[in-house]
All heavy atoms as atom14 arrays in JSON, in Angstrom:
{
  "sequence": "IEKQLKIKAYKGPSNAADLKLTLDIIDKIELSTNTPAD",
  "atom14_mask": [
    [1, 1, 1, 1, 1, 1, 1, 1, 0, 0, 0, 0, 0, 0],
    [1, 1, 1, 1, 1, 1, 1, 1, 1, 0, 0, 0, 0, 0],
    [1, 1, 1, 1, 1, 1, 1, 1, 1, 0, 0, 0, 0, 0],
    [1, 1, 1, 1, 1, 1, 1, 1, 1, 0, 0, 0, 0, 0],
    [1, 1, 1, 1, 1, 1, 1, 1, 0, 0, 0, 0, 0, 0],
    [1, 1, 1, 1, 1, 1, 1, 1, 1, 0, 0, 0, 0, 0],
    [1, 1, 1, 1, 1, 1, 1, 1, 0, 0, 0, 0, 0, 0],
    [1, 1, 1, 1, 1, 1, 1, 1, 1, 0, 0, 0, 0, 0],
    [1, 1, 1, 1, 1, 0, 0, 0, 0, 0, 0, 0, 0, 0],
    [1, 1, 1, 1, 1, 1, 1, 1, 1, 1, 1, 1, 0, 0],
    [1, 1, 1, 1, 1, 1, 1, 1, 1, 0, 0, 0, 0, 0],
    [1, 1, 1, 1, 0, 0, 0, 0, 0, 0, 0, 0, 0, 0],
    [1, 1, 1, 1, 1, 1, 1, 0, 0, 0, 0, 0, 0, 0],
    [1, 1, 1, 1, 1, 1, 0, 0, 0, 0, 0, 0, 0, 0],
    [1, 1, 1, 1, 1, 1, 1, 1, 0, 0, 0, 0, 0, 0],
    [1, 1, 1, 1, 1, 0, 0, 0, 0, 0, 0, 0, 0, 0],
    [1, 1, 1, 1, 1, 0, 0, 0, 0, 0, 0, 0, 0, 0],
    [1, 1, 1, 1, 1, 1, 1, 1, 0, 0, 0, 0, 0, 0],
    [1, 1, 1, 1, 1, 1, 1, 1, 0, 0, 0, 0, 0, 0],
    [1, 1, 1, 1, 1, 1, 1, 1, 1, 0, 0, 0, 0, 0],
    [1, 1, 1, 1, 1, 1, 1, 1, 0, 0, 0, 0, 0, 0],
    [1, 1, 1, 1, 1, 1, 1, 0, 0, 0, 0, 0, 0, 0],
    [1, 1, 1, 1, 1, 1, 1, 1, 0, 0, 0, 0, 0, 0],
    [1, 1, 1, 1, 1, 1, 1, 1, 0, 0, 0, 0, 0, 0],
    [1, 1, 1, 1, 1, 1, 1, 1, 0, 0, 0, 0, 0, 0],
    [1, 1, 1, 1, 1, 1, 1, 1, 0, 0, 0, 0, 0, 0],
    [1, 1, 1, 1, 1, 1, 1, 1, 0, 0, 0, 0, 0, 0],
    [1, 1, 1, 1, 1, 1, 1, 1, 1, 0, 0, 0, 0, 0],
    [1, 1, 1, 1, 1, 1, 1, 1, 0, 0, 0, 0, 0, 0],
    [1, 1, 1, 1, 1, 1, 1, 1, 1, 0, 0, 0, 0, 0],
    [1, 1, 1, 1, 1, 1, 1, 1, 0, 0, 0, 0, 0, 0],
    [1, 1, 1, 1, 1, 1, 0, 0, 0, 0, 0, 0, 0, 0],
    [1, 1, 1, 1, 1, 1, 1, 0, 0, 0, 0, 0, 0, 0],
    [1, 1, 1, 1, 1, 1, 1, 1, 0, 0, 0, 0, 0, 0],
    [1, 1, 1, 1, 1, 1, 1, 0, 0, 0, 0, 0, 0, 0],
    [1, 1, 1, 1, 1, 1, 1, 0, 0, 0, 0, 0, 0, 0],
    [1, 1, 1, 1, 1, 0, 0, 0, 0, 0, 0, 0, 0, 0],
    [1, 1, 1, 1, 1, 1, 1, 1, 0, 0, 0, 0, 0, 0]
  ],
  "atom14_positions": [
    [[0.84, -1.2, 0.0], [0.0, 0.0, 0.0], [0.88, 1.25, 0.0], [0.66, 2.19, -0.77], [-0.94, 0.0, 1.23], [-1.85, -1.24, 1.21], [-1.79, 1.27, 1.27], [-2.66, -1.42, 2.48], [0.0, 0.0, 0.0], [0.0, 0.0, 0.0], [0.0, 0.0, 0.0], [0.0, 0.0, 0.0], [0.0, 0.0, 0.0], [0.0, 0.0, 0.0]],
    [[1.87, 1.26, 0.89], [2.79, 2.41, 0.95], [3.57, 2.57, -0.35], [3.78, 3.68, -0.85], [3.75, 2.23, 2.13], [4.73, 3.38, 2.27], [5.64, 3.25, 3.49], [5.38, 2.39, 4.35], [6.61, 4.03, 3.56], [0.0, 0.0, 0.0], [0.0, 0.0, 0.0], [0.0, 0.0, 0.0], [0.0, 0.0, 0.0], [0.0, 0.0, 0.0]],
    [[3.97, 1.45, -0.91], [4.75, 1.48, -2.15], [3.95, 2.1, -3.3], [4.47, 2.9, -4.07], [5.17, 0.04, -2.5], [6.09, -0.07, -3.7], [6.48, -1.53, -3.91], [7.34, -1.68, -5.16], [7.67, -3.12, -5.4], [0.0, 0.0, 0.0], [0.0, 0.0, 0.0], [0.0, 0.0, 0.0], [0.0, 0.0, 0.0], [0.0, 0.0, 0.0]],
    [[2.66, 1.75, -3.37], [1.82, 2.22, -4.48], [1.3, 3.64, -4.26], [1.21, 4.43, -5.2], [0.62, 1.27, -4.66], [0.98, -0.11, -5.15], [1.36, -0.13, -6.62], [0.92, 0.69, -7.41], [2.24, -1.07, -6.98], [0.0, 0.0, 0.0], [0.0, 0.0, 0.0], [0.0, 0.0, 0.0], [0.0, 0.0, 0.0], [0.0, 0.0, 0.0]],
    [[0.95, 3.98, -3.02], [0.3, 5.26, -2.74], [1.24, 6.3, -2.13], [0.85, 7.45, -1.93], [-0.9, 5.04, -1.8], [-1.99, 4.11, -2.32], [-3.07, 3.91, -1.26], [-2.62, 4.65, -3.6], [0.0, 0.0, 0.0], [0.0, 0.0, 0.0], [0.0, 0.0, 0.0], [0.0, 0.0, 0.0], [0.0, 0.0, 0.0], [0.0, 0.0, 0.0]],
    [[2.47, 5.89, -1.79], [3.46, 6.79, -1.18], [2.97, 7.37, 0.15], [3.25, 8.51, 0.5], [3.81, 7.95, -2.13], [4.16, 7.54, -3.54], [5.32, 6.56, -3.6], [5.64, 6.17, -5.05], [6.62, 5.06, -5.11], [0.0, 0.0, 0.0], [0.0, 0.0, 0.0], [0.0, 0.0, 0.0], [0.0, 0.0, 0.0], [0.0, 0.0, 0.0]],
    [[2.19, 6.57, 0.88], [1.69, 6.96, 2.21], [2.0, 5.8, 3.16], [1.77, 4.64, 2.83], [0.16, 7.2, 2.18], [-0.2, 8.29, 1.17], [-0.35, 7.58, 3.58], [-1.69, 8.36, 0.88], [0.0, 0.0, 0.0], [0.0, 0.0, 0.0], [0.0, 0.0, 0.0], [0.0, 0.0, 0.0], [0.0, 0.0, 0.0], [0.0, 0.0, 0.0]],
    [[2.5, 6.12, 4.33], [2.8, 5.08, 5.31], [1.53, 4.3, 5.65], [0.48, 4.91, 5.94], [3.4, 5.68, 6.57], [4.81, 6.22, 6.38], [5.43, 6.62, 7.7], [6.85, 7.14, 7.49], [7.75, 6.13, 6.91], [0.0, 0.0, 0.0], [0.0, 0.0, 0.0], [0.0, 0.0, 0.0], [0.0, 0.0, 0.0], [0.0, 0.0, 0.0]],
    [[1.61, 2.98, 5.61], [0.43, 2.14, 5.87], [0.8, 1.07, 6.89], [1.82, 0.39, 6.76], [-0.05, 1.5, 4.58], [0.0, 0.0, 0.0], [0.0, 0.0, 0.0], [0.0, 0.0, 0.0], [0.0, 0.0, 0.0], [0.0, 0.0, 0.0], [0.0, 0.0, 0.0], [0.0, 0.0, 0.0], [0.0, 0.0, 0.0], [0.0, 0.0, 0.0]],
    [[-0.04, 0.94, 7.91], [0.22, -0.01, 8.99], [-1.04, -0.81, 9.32], [-2.16, -0.37, 9.03], [0.67, 0.72, 10.25], [1.89, 1.59, 10.08], [1.78, 2.97, 10.03], [3.15, 1.01, 9.95], [2.89, 3.78, 9.87], [4.28, 1.81, 9.79], [4.14, 3.19, 9.75], [5.26, 3.97, 9.58], [0.0, 0.0, 0.0], [0.0, 0.0, 0.0]],
    [[-0.8, -1.92, 9.96], [-1.94, -2.71, 10.47], [-2.47, -2.08, 11.75], [-1.7, -1.73, 12.65], [-1.53, -4.15, 10.74], [-1.43, -5.0, 9.49], [-1.37, -6.48, 9.82], [-1.37, -7.31, 8.54], [-1.38, -8.76, 8.81], [0.0, 0.0, 0.0], [0.0, 0.0, 0.0], [0.0, 0.0, 0.0], [0.0, 0.0, 0.0], [0.0, 0.0, 0.0]],
    [[-3.78, -1.92, 11.8], [-4.42, -1.44, 13.02], [-4.71, -2.58, 13.96], [-4.18, -3.69, 13.81], [0.0, 0.0, 0.0], [0.0, 0.0, 0.0], [0.0, 0.0, 0.0], [0.0, 0.0, 0.0], [0.0, 0.0, 0.0], [0.0, 0.0, 0.0], [0.0, 0.0, 0.0], [0.0, 0.0, 0.0], [0.0, 0.0, 0.0], [0.0, 0.0, 0.0]],
    [[-5.57, -2.37, 14.95], [-5.88, -3.43, 15.91], [-6.77, -4.51, 15.32], [-7.46, -4.29, 14.31], [-6.6, -2.67, 17.03], [-7.21, -1.5, 16.36], [-6.26, -1.11, 15.27], [0.0, 0.0, 0.0], [0.0, 0.0, 0.0], [0.0, 0.0, 0.0], [0.0, 0.0, 0.0], [0.0, 0.0, 0.0], [0.0, 0.0, 0.0], [0.0, 0.0, 0.0]],
    [[-6.77, -5.68, 15.95], [-7.6, -6.79, 15.51], [-9.07, -6.51, 15.75], [-9.93, -7.07, 15.08], [-7.19, -8.08, 16.24], [-5.81, -8.31, 16.11], [0.0, 0.0, 0.0], [0.0, 0.0, 0.0], [0.0, 0.0, 0.0], [0.0, 0.0, 0.0], [0.0, 0.0, 0.0], [0.0, 0.0, 0.0], [0.0, 0.0, 0.0], [0.0, 0.0, 0.0]],
    [[-9.36, -5.69, 16.75], [-10.73, -5.4, 17.13], [-10.96, -3.9, 17.13], [-10.12, -3.13, 17.6], [-11.01, -5.99, 18.52], [-12.49, -5.97, 18.86], [-13.01, -4.95, 19.3], [-13.15, -7.09, 18.66], [0.0, 0.0, 0.0], [0.0, 0.0, 0.0], [0.0, 0.0, 0.0], [0.0, 0.0, 0.0], [0.0, 0.0, 0.0], [0.0, 0.0, 0.0]],
    [[-12.11, -3.47, 16.61], [-12.41, -2.04, 16.5], [-12.41, -1.33, 17.85], [-12.17, -0.13, 17.93], [-13.76, -1.85, 15.81], [0.0, 0.0, 0.0], [0.0, 0.0, 0.0], [0.0, 0.0, 0.0], [0.0, 0.0, 0.0], [0.0, 0.0, 0.0], [0.0, 0.0, 0.0], [0.0, 0.0, 0.0], [0.0, 0.0, 0.0], [0.0, 0.0, 0.0]],
    [[-12.66, -2.08, 18.92], [-12.69, -1.47, 20.26], [-11.33, -0.9, 20.65], [-11.24, -0.03, 21.52], [-13.14, -2.5, 21.29], [0.0, 0.0, 0.0], [0.0, 0.0, 0.0], [0.0, 0.0, 0.0], [0.0, 0.0, 0.0], [0.0, 0.0, 0.0], [0.0, 0.0, 0.0], [0.0, 0.0, 0.0], [0.0, 0.0, 0.0], [0.0, 0.0, 0.0]],
    [[-10.25, -1.4, 20.02], [-8.9, -0.94, 20.37], [-8.41, 0.2, 19.47], [-7.26, 0.64, 19.6], [-7.91, -2.11, 20.27], [-8.07, -3.09, 21.41], [-8.37, -2.65, 22.52], [-7.93, -4.3, 21.17], [0.0, 0.0, 0.0], [0.0, 0.0, 0.0], [0.0, 0.0, 0.0], [0.0, 0.0, 0.0], [0.0, 0.0, 0.0], [0.0, 0.0, 0.0]],
    [[-9.26, 0.68, 18.57], [-8.82, 1.74, 17.65], [-8.43, 3.02, 18.39], [-7.41, 3.65, 18.08], [-9.93, 2.05, 16.65], [-9.75, 1.47, 15.25], [-10.98, 1.74, 14.4], [-8.5, 2.0, 14.57], [0.0, 0.0, 0.0], [0.0, 0.0, 0.0], [0.0, 0.0, 0.0], [0.0, 0.0, 0.0], [0.0, 0.0, 0.0], [0.0, 0.0, 0.0]],
    [[-9.23, 3.42, 19.37], [-8.93, 4.65, 20.1], [-7.59, 4.55, 20.82], [-6.78, 5.48, 20.79], [-10.05, 4.95, 21.1], [-9.91, 6.3, 21.79], [-11.11, 6.58, 22.7], [-10.96, 7.94, 23.36], [-9.76, 8.04, 24.2], [0.0, 0.0, 0.0], [0.0, 0.0, 0.0], [0.0, 0.0, 0.0], [0.0, 0.0, 0.0], [0.0, 0.0, 0.0]],
    [[-7.33, 3.41, 21.46], [-6.05, 3.2, 22.13], [-4.9, 3.32, 21.14], [-3.87, 3.95, 21.41], [-6.03, 1.81, 22.8], [-4.69, 1.34, 23.36], [-4.26, 2.21, 24.54], [-4.77, -0.13, 23.79], [0.0, 0.0, 0.0], [0.0, 0.0, 0.0], [0.0, 0.0, 0.0], [0.0, 0.0, 0.0], [0.0, 0.0, 0.0], [0.0, 0.0, 0.0]],
    [[-5.08, 2.74, 19.96], [-4.04, 2.78, 18.92], [-3.8, 4.21, 18.46], [-2.65, 4.67, 18.37], [-4.45, 1.91, 17.73], [-4.69, 0.57, 18.18], [-3.36, 1.89, 16.66], [0.0, 0.0, 0.0], [0.0, 0.0, 0.0], [0.0, 0.0, 0.0], [0.0, 0.0, 0.0], [0.0, 0.0, 0.0], [0.0, 0.0, 0.0], [0.0, 0.0, 0.0]],
    [[-4.88, 4.94, 18.18], [-4.75, 6.32, 17.71], [-4.09, 7.22, 18.75], [-3.34, 8.14, 18.41], [-6.13, 6.88, 17.33], [-6.77, 6.24, 16.1], [-8.24, 6.64, 15.99], [-6.01, 6.61, 14.83], [0.0, 0.0, 0.0], [0.0, 0.0, 0.0], [0.0, 0.0, 0.0], [0.0, 0.0, 0.0], [0.0, 0.0, 0.0], [0.0, 0.0, 0.0]],
    [[-4.36, 6.93, 20.03], [-3.8, 7.76, 21.1], [-2.27, 7.72, 21.15], [-1.64, 8.64, 21.66], [-4.37, 7.33, 22.46], [-5.76, 7.89, 22.7], [-6.17, 8.82, 21.98], [-6.44, 7.37, 23.6], [0.0, 0.0, 0.0], [0.0, 0.0, 0.0], [0.0, 0.0, 0.0], [0.0, 0.0, 0.0], [0.0, 0.0, 0.0], [0.0, 0.0, 0.0]],
    [[-1.69, 6.62, 20.67], [-0.23, 6.48, 20.83], [0.52, 6.36, 19.5], [1.7, 6.0, 19.5], [0.11, 5.26, 21.72], [-0.4, 3.96, 21.1], [-0.45, 5.44, 23.12], [0.09, 2.73, 21.83], [0.0, 0.0, 0.0], [0.0, 0.0, 0.0], [0.0, 0.0, 0.0], [0.0, 0.0, 0.0], [0.0, 0.0, 0.0], [0.0, 0.0, 0.0]],
    [[-0.14, 6.67, 18.38], [0.56, 6.51, 17.1], [1.73, 7.48, 16.94], [2.61, 7.25, 16.11], [-0.4, 6.66, 15.89], [-1.15, 7.99, 15.95], [-1.33, 5.48, 15.8], [-1.97, 8.27, 14.72], [0.0, 0.0, 0.0], [0.0, 0.0, 0.0], [0.0, 0.0, 0.0], [0.0, 0.0, 0.0], [0.0, 0.0, 0.0], [0.0, 0.0, 0.0]],
    [[1.74, 8.56, 17.75], [2.89, 9.47, 17.68], [3.99, 9.06, 18.66], [5.03, 9.71, 18.74], [2.44, 10.91, 17.96], [1.62, 11.03, 19.24], [1.25, 9.99, 19.82], [1.36, 12.17, 19.66], [0.0, 0.0, 0.0], [0.0, 0.0, 0.0], [0.0, 0.0, 0.0], [0.0, 0.0, 0.0], [0.0, 0.0, 0.0], [0.0, 0.0, 0.0]],
    [[3.76, 7.96, 19.4], [4.75, 7.51, 20.39], [5.32, 6.12, 20.08], [6.32, 5.72, 20.66], [4.12, 7.46, 21.78], [3.56, 8.8, 22.26], [2.81, 8.62, 23.56], [2.13, 9.92, 23.99], [1.27, 9.72, 25.18], [0.0, 0.0, 0.0], [0.0, 0.0, 0.0], [0.0, 0.0, 0.0], [0.0, 0.0, 0.0], [0.0, 0.0, 0.0]],
    [[4.65, 5.4, 19.2], [5.08, 4.03, 18.91], [5.05, 3.82, 17.4], [4.19, 4.38, 16.7], [4.15, 3.01, 19.62], [4.64, 1.58, 19.39], [2.71, 3.14, 19.16], [3.86, 0.54, 20.19], [0.0, 0.0, 0.0], [0.0, 0.0, 0.0], [0.0, 0.0, 0.0], [0.0, 0.0, 0.0], [0.0, 0.0, 0.0], [0.0, 0.0, 0.0]],
    [[5.98, 3.05, 16.89], [5.98, 2.75, 15.46], [5.15, 1.5, 15.23], [5.49, 0.42, 15.73], [7.41, 2.54, 14.95], [7.45, 2.35, 13.45], [8.86, 2.3, 12.89], [9.81, 2.63, 13.64], [9.01, 1.92, 11.71], [0.0, 0.0, 0.0], [0.0, 0.0, 0.0], [0.0, 0.0, 0.0], [0.0, 0.0, 0.0], [0.0, 0.0, 0.0]],
    [[4.07, 1.67, 14.49], [3.21, 0.53, 14.19], [3.9, -0.4, 13.2], [4.94, -0.07, 12.64], [1.86, 1.01, 13.67], [1.03, 1.86, 14.64], [-0.27, 2.31, 13.99], [0.73, 1.09, 15.92], [0.0, 0.0, 0.0], [0.0, 0.0, 0.0], [0.0, 0.0, 0.0], [0.0, 0.0, 0.0], [0.0, 0.0, 0.0], [0.0, 0.0, 0.0]],
    [[3.27, -1.55, 12.96], [3.88, -2.58, 12.12], [3.09, -2.78, 10.83], [1.88, -2.58, 10.8], [3.95, -3.89, 12.91], [4.33, -4.97, 12.07], [0.0, 0.0, 0.0], [0.0, 0.0, 0.0], [0.0, 0.0, 0.0], [0.0, 0.0, 0.0], [0.0, 0.0, 0.0], [0.0, 0.0, 0.0], [0.0, 0.0, 0.0], [0.0, 0.0, 0.0]],
    [[3.79, -3.23, 9.82], [3.12, -3.55, 8.55], [2.59, -4.98, 8.53], [1.85, -5.35, 7.63], [4.09, -3.38, 7.37], [5.2, -4.27, 7.53], [4.59, -1.94, 7.27], [0.0, 0.0, 0.0], [0.0, 0.0, 0.0], [0.0, 0.0, 0.0], [0.0, 0.0, 0.0], [0.0, 0.0, 0.0], [0.0, 0.0, 0.0], [0.0, 0.0, 0.0]],
    [[2.97, -5.79, 9.53], [2.5, -7.18, 9.52], [1.95, -7.68, 10.87], [1.34, -8.74, 10.92], [3.61, -8.13, 9.05], [4.9, -7.94, 9.81], [4.89, -7.73, 11.01], [6.01, -7.98, 9.1], [0.0, 0.0, 0.0], [0.0, 0.0, 0.0], [0.0, 0.0, 0.0], [0.0, 0.0, 0.0], [0.0, 0.0, 0.0], [0.0, 0.0, 0.0]],
    [[2.14, -6.92, 11.95], [1.63, -7.33, 13.27], [0.49, -6.41, 13.68], [0.65, -5.19, 13.64], [2.74, -7.26, 14.34], [3.83, -8.1, 13.93], [2.21, -7.73, 15.69], [0.0, 0.0, 0.0], [0.0, 0.0, 0.0], [0.0, 0.0, 0.0], [0.0, 0.0, 0.0], [0.0, 0.0, 0.0], [0.0, 0.0, 0.0], [0.0, 0.0, 0.0]],
    [[-0.67, -6.96, 14.06], [-1.78, -6.1, 14.49], [-1.36, -5.17, 15.62], [-0.57, -5.55, 16.49], [-2.83, -7.11, 14.97], [-2.53, -8.36, 14.2], [-1.04, -8.38, 14.06], [0.0, 0.0, 0.0], [0.0, 0.0, 0.0], [0.0, 0.0, 0.0], [0.0, 0.0, 0.0], [0.0, 0.0, 0.0], [0.0, 0.0, 0.0], [0.0, 0.0, 0.0]],
    [[-1.88, -3.95, 15.61], [-1.44, -2.91, 16.55], [-1.67, -3.3, 18.0], [-0.84, -3.01, 18.87], [-2.16, -1.6, 16.24], [0.0, 0.0, 0.0], [0.0, 0.0, 0.0], [0.0, 0.0, 0.0], [0.0, 0.0, 0.0], [0.0, 0.0, 0.0], [0.0, 0.0, 0.0], [0.0, 0.0, 0.0], [0.0, 0.0, 0.0], [0.0, 0.0, 0.0]],
    [[-2.81, -3.95, 18.3], [-3.09, -4.29, 19.69], [-2.05, -5.26, 20.24], [-1.6, -5.12, 21.38], [-4.5, -4.87, 19.85], [-4.76, -6.04, 18.92], [-4.34, -5.98, 17.75], [-5.39, -7.02, 19.34], [0.0, 0.0, 0.0], [0.0, 0.0, 0.0], [0.0, 0.0, 0.0], [0.0, 0.0, 0.0], [0.0, 0.0, 0.0], [0.0, 0.0, 0.0]]
  ]
}
């Protein structure tokens, strides 16, 4: 996705309930392209 669109793309959490937690710390932690964020 990043290669084609030139935008950093990462895996979010496995469950939508964890999206807020993920968004709260995206400026403090480097997310992964293959491991779910949670």
